[in-house]
Structures are given as C-alpha cells and as structure tokens.
C-alpha cells in the first residue's frame, strides 16, 4: 500500500553461487556457468571473478590450495 494505492512488484528469483577454485580453472568454470545459465533474457545474472588471498579449513587447519 503506497499513498492509498495497492500495487504489486514482481521480482525475479535470484540465486547466489560462490565458487573458490584455482586460477588455472577459472576460464573453464566461467564457460561452464555461462553455458548452463544463459537464456538471453533479463535476469541471466553476472559473474564476478576476484582473488582470494587465503583459505583455511577450520576443521583440519589446512591452508592454501590444500584447504580447497
């Protein structure tokens, strides 16, 4: 209800996927996501590629690539 008028806003459903992989796998992962997600319609989404400085597996204490 806004200023006495009712209205409906239809939002597109969203999914957030976070993937941490080694640098040599980035191109293949991006291509796989694009291949699976592209519909050529509004809402296909975006892919952001960024660096992860460090990874630590809490349970075992493993660090770096071993933690992945």
PDB file of N, CA and C in Angstrom:
ATOM      1  N   UNK A   1       0.855  -1.177   0.000  1.00  0.00           N
ATOM      2  CA  UNK A   1       0.000   0.000   0.000  1.00  0.00           C
ATOM      3  C   UNK A   1       0.890   1.225   0.000  1.00  0.00           C
ATOM      4  N   UNK A   2       0.741   2.072  -0.978  1.00  0.00           N
ATOM      5  CA  UNK A   2       1.526   3.292  -1.073  1.00  0.00           C
ATOM      6  C   UNK A   2       0.600   4.430  -1.436  1.00  0.00           C
ATOM      7  N   UNK A   3       0.480   5.384  -0.541  1.00  0.00           N
ATOM      8  CA  UNK A   3      -0.385   6.555  -0.744  1.00  0.00           C
ATOM      9  C   UNK A   3      -1.792   6.151  -1.169  1.00  0.00           C
ATOM     10  N   UNK A   4      -2.300   5.145  -0.515  1.00  0.00           N
ATOM     11  CA  UNK A   4      -3.661   4.724  -0.770  1.00  0.00           C
ATOM     12  C   UNK A   4      -3.848   3.827  -1.977  1.00  0.00           C
ATOM     13  N   UNK A   5      -2.784   3.518  -2.685  1.00  0.00           N
ATOM     14  CA  UNK A   5      -2.907   2.667  -3.866  1.00  0.00           C
ATOM     15  C   UNK A   5      -2.126   1.377  -3.646  1.00  0.00           C
ATOM     16  N   UNK A   6      -2.751   0.261  -3.976  1.00  0.00           N
ATOM     17  CA  UNK A   6      -2.069  -1.025  -3.874  1.00  0.00           C
ATOM     18  C   UNK A   6      -1.378  -1.328  -5.195  1.00  0.00           C
ATOM     19  N   UNK A   7      -0.229  -1.946  -5.093  1.00  0.00           N
ATOM     20  CA  UNK A   7       0.487  -2.340  -6.298  1.00  0.00           C
ATOM     21  C   UNK A   7       1.317  -3.575  -6.001  1.00  0.00           C
ATOM     22  N   UNK A   8       1.674  -4.275  -7.043  1.00  0.00           N
ATOM     23  CA  UNK A   8       2.459  -5.499  -6.912  1.00  0.00           C
ATOM     24  C   UNK A   8       3.771  -5.314  -7.674  1.00  0.00           C
ATOM     25  N   UNK A   9       4.858  -5.698  -7.041  1.00  0.00           N
ATOM     26  CA  UNK A   9       6.163  -5.663  -7.694  1.00  0.00           C
ATOM     27  C   UNK A   9       6.622  -7.105  -7.862  1.00  0.00           C
ATOM     28  N   UNK A  10       6.825  -7.515  -9.085  1.00  0.00           N
ATOM     29  CA  UNK A  10       7.281  -8.877  -9.360  1.00  0.00           C
ATOM     30  C   UNK A  10       8.799  -8.876  -9.528  1.00  0.00           C
ATOM     31  N   UNK A  11       9.486  -9.455  -8.561  1.00  0.00           N
ATOM     32  CA  UNK A  11      10.934  -9.573  -8.643  1.00  0.00           C
ATOM     33  C   UNK A  11      11.298 -10.924  -9.241  1.00  0.00           C
ATOM     34  N   UNK A  12      12.394 -10.946  -9.965  1.00  0.00           N
ATOM     35  CA  UNK A  12      12.898 -12.209 -10.487  1.00  0.00           C
ATOM     36  C   UNK A  12      13.577 -12.973  -9.356  1.00  0.00           C
ATOM     37  N   UNK A  13      13.396 -14.278  -9.289  1.00  0.00           N
ATOM     38  CA  UNK A  13      14.091 -15.053  -8.254  1.00  0.00           C
ATOM     39  C   UNK A  13      15.600 -14.994  -8.495  1.00  0.00           C
ATOM     40  N   UNK A  14      16.351 -14.940  -7.417  1.00  0.00           N
ATOM     41  CA  UNK A  14      17.810 -14.832  -7.513  1.00  0.00           C
ATOM     42  C   UNK A  14      18.476 -16.002  -6.810  1.00  0.00           C
ATOM     43  N   UNK A  15      19.616 -16.390  -7.316  1.00  0.00           N
ATOM     44  CA  UNK A  15      20.450 -17.418  -6.694  1.00  0.00           C
ATOM     45  C   UNK A  15      21.870 -16.876  -6.688  1.00  0.00           C
ATOM     46  N   UNK A  16      22.544 -17.012  -5.554  1.00  0.00           N
ATOM     47  CA  UNK A  16      23.947 -16.601  -5.486  1.00  0.00           C
ATOM     48  C   UNK A  16      24.799 -17.844  -5.312  1.00  0.00           C
ATOM     49  N   UNK A  17      25.756 -18.000  -6.201  1.00  0.00           N
ATOM     50  CA  UNK A  17      26.670 -19.137  -6.144  1.00  0.00           C
ATOM     51  C   UNK A  17      28.072 -18.582  -5.968  1.00  0.00           C
ATOM     52  N   UNK A  18      28.773 -19.068  -4.959  1.00  0.00           N
ATOM     53  CA  UNK A  18      30.164 -18.664  -4.762  1.00  0.00           C
ATOM     54  C   UNK A  18      31.045 -19.890  -4.957  1.00  0.00           C
ATOM     55  N   UNK A  19      32.063 -19.752  -5.781  1.00  0.00           N
ATOM     56  CA  UNK A  19      32.959 -20.854  -6.090  1.00  0.00           C
ATOM     57  C   UNK A  19      34.387 -20.373  -5.881  1.00  0.00           C
ATOM     58  N   UNK A  20      35.165 -21.137  -5.140  1.00  0.00           N
ATOM     59  CA  UNK A  20      36.585 -20.829  -4.971  1.00  0.00           C
ATOM     60  C   UNK A  20      37.366 -21.954  -5.635  1.00  0.00           C
ATOM     61  N   UNK A  21      38.115 -21.591  -6.654  1.00  0.00           N
ATOM     62  CA  UNK A  21      38.865 -22.575  -7.434  1.00  0.00           C
ATOM     63  C   UNK A  21      40.263 -22.037  -7.708  1.00  0.00           C
ATOM     64  N   UNK A  22      41.136 -22.906  -8.158  1.00  0.00           N
ATOM     65  CA  UNK A  22      42.484 -22.459  -8.502  1.00  0.00           C
ATOM     66  C   UNK A  22      42.428 -21.635  -9.789  1.00  0.00           C
ATOM     67  N   UNK A  23      43.410 -20.766  -9.944  1.00  0.00           N
ATOM     68  CA  UNK A  23      43.418 -19.815 -11.056  1.00  0.00           C
ATOM     69  C   UNK A  23      43.378 -20.498 -12.422  1.00  0.00           C
ATOM     70  N   UNK A  24      43.979 -21.654 -12.539  1.00  0.00           N
ATOM     71  CA  UNK A  24      44.000 -22.335 -13.836  1.00  0.00           C
ATOM     72  C   UNK A  24      42.645 -22.924 -14.216  1.00  0.00           C
ATOM     73  N   UNK A  25      41.691 -22.935 -13.300  1.00  0.00           N
ATOM     74  CA  UNK A  25      40.352 -23.467 -13.580  1.00  0.00           C
ATOM     75  C   UNK A  25      39.322 -22.373 -13.866  1.00  0.00           C
ATOM     76  N   UNK A  26      39.722 -21.108 -13.748  1.00  0.00           N
ATOM     77  CA  UNK A  26      38.767 -20.002 -13.860  1.00  0.00           C
ATOM     78  C   UNK A  26      38.076 -19.975 -15.215  1.00  0.00           C
ATOM     79  N   UNK A  27      38.830 -20.011 -16.293  1.00  0.00           N
ATOM     80  CA  UNK A  27      38.213 -19.913 -17.625  1.00  0.00           C
ATOM     81  C   UNK A  27      37.215 -21.034 -17.876  1.00  0.00           C
ATOM     82  N   UNK A  28      37.560 -22.238 -17.504  1.00  0.00           N
ATOM     83  CA  UNK A  28      36.651 -23.374 -17.705  1.00  0.00           C
ATOM     84  C   UNK A  28      35.396 -23.225 -16.857  1.00  0.00           C
ATOM     85  N   UNK A  29      35.551 -22.754 -15.628  1.00  0.00           N
ATOM     86  CA  UNK A  29      34.393 -22.572 -14.748  1.00  0.00           C
ATOM     87  C   UNK A  29      33.470 -21.484 -15.279  1.00  0.00           C
ATOM     88  N   UNK A  30      34.044 -20.381 -15.738  1.00  0.00           N
ATOM     89  CA  UNK A  30      33.239 -19.294 -16.298  1.00  0.00           C
ATOM     90  C   UNK A  30      32.472 -19.785 -17.518  1.00  0.00           C
ATOM     91  N   UNK A  31      33.126 -20.491 -18.401  1.00  0.00           N
ATOM     92  CA  UNK A  31      32.452 -21.017 -19.594  1.00  0.00           C
ATOM     93  C   UNK A  31      31.335 -21.994 -19.228  1.00  0.00           C
ATOM     94  N   UNK A  32      31.562 -22.835 -18.228  1.00  0.00           N
ATOM     95  CA  UNK A  32      30.537 -23.796 -17.802  1.00  0.00           C
ATOM     96  C   UNK A  32      29.320 -23.081 -17.228  1.00  0.00           C
ATOM     97  N   UNK A  33      29.562 -22.048 -16.424  1.00  0.00           N
ATOM     98  CA  UNK A  33      28.448 -21.293 -15.834  1.00  0.00           C
ATOM     99  C   UNK A  33      27.664 -20.578 -16.921  1.00  0.00           C
ATOM    100  N   UNK A  34      28.373 -19.926 -17.831  1.00  0.00           N
ATOM    101  CA  UNK A  34      27.695 -19.225 -18.927  1.00  0.00           C
ATOM    102  C   UNK A  34      26.873 -20.202 -19.759  1.00  0.00           C
ATOM    103  N   UNK A  35      27.442 -21.338 -20.081  1.00  0.00           N
ATOM    104  CA  UNK A  35      26.749 -22.337 -20.889  1.00  0.00           C
ATOM    105  C   UNK A  35      25.473 -22.826 -20.210  1.00  0.00           C
ATOM    106  N   UNK A  36      25.529 -23.010 -18.900  1.00  0.00           N
ATOM    107  CA  UNK A  36      24.372 -23.528 -18.167  1.00  0.00           C
ATOM    108  C   UNK A  36      23.339 -22.454 -17.845  1.00  0.00           C
ATOM    109  N   UNK A  37      23.776 -21.199 -17.688  1.00  0.00           N
ATOM    110  CA  UNK A  37      22.875 -20.165 -17.174  1.00  0.00           C
ATOM    111  C   UNK A  37      22.295 -19.244 -18.241  1.00  0.00           C
ATOM    112  N   UNK A  38      22.894 -19.178 -19.405  1.00  0.00           N
ATOM    113  CA  UNK A  38      22.452 -18.196 -20.403  1.00  0.00           C
ATOM    114  C   UNK A  38      21.117 -18.584 -21.016  1.00  0.00           C
ATOM    115  N   UNK A  39      20.152 -17.656 -20.880  1.00  0.00           N
ATOM    116  CA  UNK A  39      18.860 -17.815 -21.546  1.00  0.00           C
ATOM    117  C   UNK A  39      18.622 -16.684 -22.536  1.00  0.00           C
ATOM    118  N   UNK A  40      19.524 -15.686 -22.527  1.00  0.00           N
ATOM    119  CA  UNK A  40      19.410 -14.478 -23.337  1.00  0.00           C
ATOM    120  C   UNK A  40      18.190 -13.655 -22.960  1.00  0.00           C
ATOM    121  N   UNK A  41      17.759 -13.781 -21.708  1.00  0.00           N
ATOM    122  CA  UNK A  41      16.652 -12.982 -21.182  1.00  0.00           C
ATOM    123  C   UNK A  41      17.146 -12.190 -19.985  1.00  0.00           C
ATOM    124  N   UNK A  42      16.397 -11.165 -19.632  1.00  0.00           N
ATOM    125  CA  UNK A  42      16.731 -10.377 -18.451  1.00  0.00           C
ATOM    126  C   UNK A  42      16.788 -11.299 -17.244  1.00  0.00           C
ATOM    127  N   UNK A  43      17.810 -11.124 -16.426  1.00  0.00           N
ATOM    128  CA  UNK A  43      17.932 -11.922 -15.214  1.00  0.00           C
ATOM    129  C   UNK A  43      18.904 -13.077 -15.310  1.00  0.00           C
ATOM    130  N   UNK A  44      19.599 -13.207 -16.438  1.00  0.00           N
ATOM    131  CA  UNK A  44      20.587 -14.287 -16.554  1.00  0.00           C
ATOM    132  C   UNK A  44      21.661 -14.186 -15.482  1.00  0.00           C
ATOM    133  N   UNK A  45      21.957 -12.988 -15.044  1.00  0.00           N
ATOM    134  CA  UNK A  45      22.906 -12.816 -13.946  1.00  0.00           C
ATOM    135  C   UNK A  45      24.236 -12.253 -14.376  1.00  0.00           C
ATOM    136  N   UNK A  46      25.164 -12.276 -13.442  1.00  0.00           N
ATOM    137  CA  UNK A  46      26.503 -11.743 -13.653  1.00  0.00           C
ATOM    138  C   UNK A  46      27.508 -12.700 -13.046  1.00  0.00           C
ATOM    139  N   UNK A  47      28.717 -12.652 -13.559  1.00  0.00           N
ATOM    140  CA  UNK A  47      29.818 -13.419 -12.980  1.00  0.00           C
ATOM    141  C   UNK A  47      30.884 -12.418 -12.567  1.00  0.00           C
ATOM    142  N   UNK A  48      31.314 -12.502 -11.327  1.00  0.00           N
ATOM    143  CA  UNK A  48      32.407 -11.674 -10.834  1.00  0.00           C
ATOM    144  C   UNK A  48      33.575 -12.600 -10.533  1.00  0.00           C
ATOM    145  N   UNK A  49      34.754 -12.258 -11.003  1.00  0.00           N
ATOM    146  CA  UNK A  49      35.956 -13.040 -10.727  1.00  0.00           C
ATOM    147  C   UNK A  49      36.860 -12.174  -9.863  1.00  0.00           C
ATOM    148  N   UNK A  50      37.216 -12.688  -8.698  1.00  0.00           N
ATOM    149  CA  UNK A  50      38.087 -11.933  -7.797  1.00  0.00           C
ATOM    150  C   UNK A  50      39.081 -12.879  -7.140  1.00  0.00           C
ATOM    151  N   UNK A  51      40.111 -12.305  -6.573  1.00  0.00           N
ATOM    152  CA  UNK A  51      41.154 -13.096  -5.917  1.00  0.00           C
ATOM    153  C   UNK A  51      40.773 -13.394  -4.475  1.00  0.00           C
ATOM    154  N   UNK A  52      41.161 -14.561  -4.023  1.00  0.00           N
ATOM    155  CA  UNK A  52      41.027 -14.933  -2.615  1.00  0.00           C
ATOM    156  C   UNK A  52      42.449 -15.018  -2.078  1.00  0.00           C
ATOM    157  N   UNK A  53      42.740 -14.225  -1.080  1.00  0.00           N
ATOM    158  CA  UNK A  53      44.108 -14.146  -0.566  1.00  0.00           C
ATOM    159  C   UNK A  53      44.528 -15.387   0.202  1.00  0.00           C
ATOM    160  N   UNK A  54      43.599 -15.962   0.958  1.00  0.00           N
ATOM    161  CA  UNK A  54      43.960 -17.136   1.742  1.00  0.00           C
ATOM    162  C   UNK A  54      42.707 -17.951   2.039  1.00  0.00           C
ATOM    163  N   UNK A  55      42.878 -19.256   2.114  1.00  0.00           N
ATOM    164  CA  UNK A  55      41.799 -20.164   2.505  1.00  0.00           C
ATOM    165  C   UNK A  55      42.312 -21.037   3.635  1.00  0.00           C
ATOM    166  N   UNK A  56      41.472 -21.230   4.636  1.00  0.00           N
ATOM    167  CA  UNK A  56      41.830 -22.066   5.782  1.00  0.00           C
ATOM    168  C   UNK A  56      40.658 -22.986   6.078  1.00  0.00           C
ATOM    169  N   UNK A  57      40.918 -24.278   6.141  1.00  0.00           N
ATOM    170  CA  UNK A  57      39.885 -25.233   6.539  1.00  0.00           C
ATOM    171  C   UNK A  57      39.927 -25.306   8.063  1.00  0.00           C
ATOM    172  N   UNK A  58      38.885 -24.842   8.700  1.00  0.00           N
ATOM    173  CA  UNK A  58      38.864 -24.736  10.156  1.00  0.00           C
ATOM    174  C   UNK A  58      39.045 -26.091  10.826  1.00  0.00           C
ATOM    175  N   UNK A  59      38.363 -27.114  10.331  1.00  0.00           N
ATOM    176  CA  UNK A  59      38.392 -28.432  10.967  1.00  0.00           C
ATOM    177  C   UNK A  59      39.799 -29.007  11.059  1.00  0.00           C
ATOM    178  N   UNK A  60      40.576 -28.889   9.980  1.00  0.00           N
ATOM    179  CA  UNK A  60      41.889 -29.536   9.946  1.00  0.00           C
ATOM    180  C   UNK A  60      43.060 -28.568  10.068  1.00  0.00           C
ATOM    181  N   UNK A  61      42.799 -27.295   9.877  1.00  0.00           N
ATOM    182  CA  UNK A  61      43.868 -26.317   9.906  1.00  0.00           C
ATOM    183  C   UNK A  61      44.624 -26.206   8.595  1.00  0.00           C
ATOM    184  N   UNK A  62      44.207 -26.957   7.572  1.00  0.00           N
ATOM    185  CA  UNK A  62      44.865 -26.880   6.270  1.00  0.00           C
ATOM    186  C   UNK A  62      44.744 -25.461   5.717  1.00  0.00           C
ATOM    187  N   UNK A  63      45.785 -25.030   5.018  1.00  0.00           N
ATOM    188  CA  UNK A  63      45.794 -23.695   4.442  1.00  0.00           C
ATOM    189  C   UNK A  63      46.148 -23.756   2.968  1.00  0.00           C
ATOM    190  N   UNK A  64      45.793 -22.693   2.259  1.00  0.00           N
ATOM    191  CA  UNK A  64      46.121 -22.585   0.841  1.00  0.00           C
ATOM    192  C   UNK A  64      45.338 -23.573  -0.001  1.00  0.00           C
ATOM    193  N   UNK A  65      45.929 -24.030  -1.110  1.00  0.00           N
ATOM    194  CA  UNK A  65      45.223 -24.943  -2.022  1.00  0.00           C
ATOM    195  C   UNK A  65      44.739 -26.224  -1.344  1.00  0.00           C
ATOM    196  N   UNK A  66      45.451 -26.688  -0.324  1.00  0.00           N
ATOM    197  CA  UNK A  66      45.032 -27.905   0.383  1.00  0.00           C
ATOM    198  C   UNK A  66      43.689 -27.712   1.086  1.00  0.00           C
ATOM    199  N   UNK A  67      43.355 -26.483   1.429  1.00  0.00           N
ATOM    200  CA  UNK A  67      42.091 -26.198   2.111  1.00  0.00           C
ATOM    201  C   UNK A  67      40.907 -26.222   1.157  1.00  0.00           C
ATOM    202  N   UNK A  68      41.186 -26.158  -0.133  1.00  0.00           N
ATOM    203  CA  UNK A  68      40.099 -26.167  -1.106  1.00  0.00           C
ATOM    204  C   UNK A  68      39.664 -27.584  -1.377  1.00  0.00           C
TER     205      UNK A  68
END
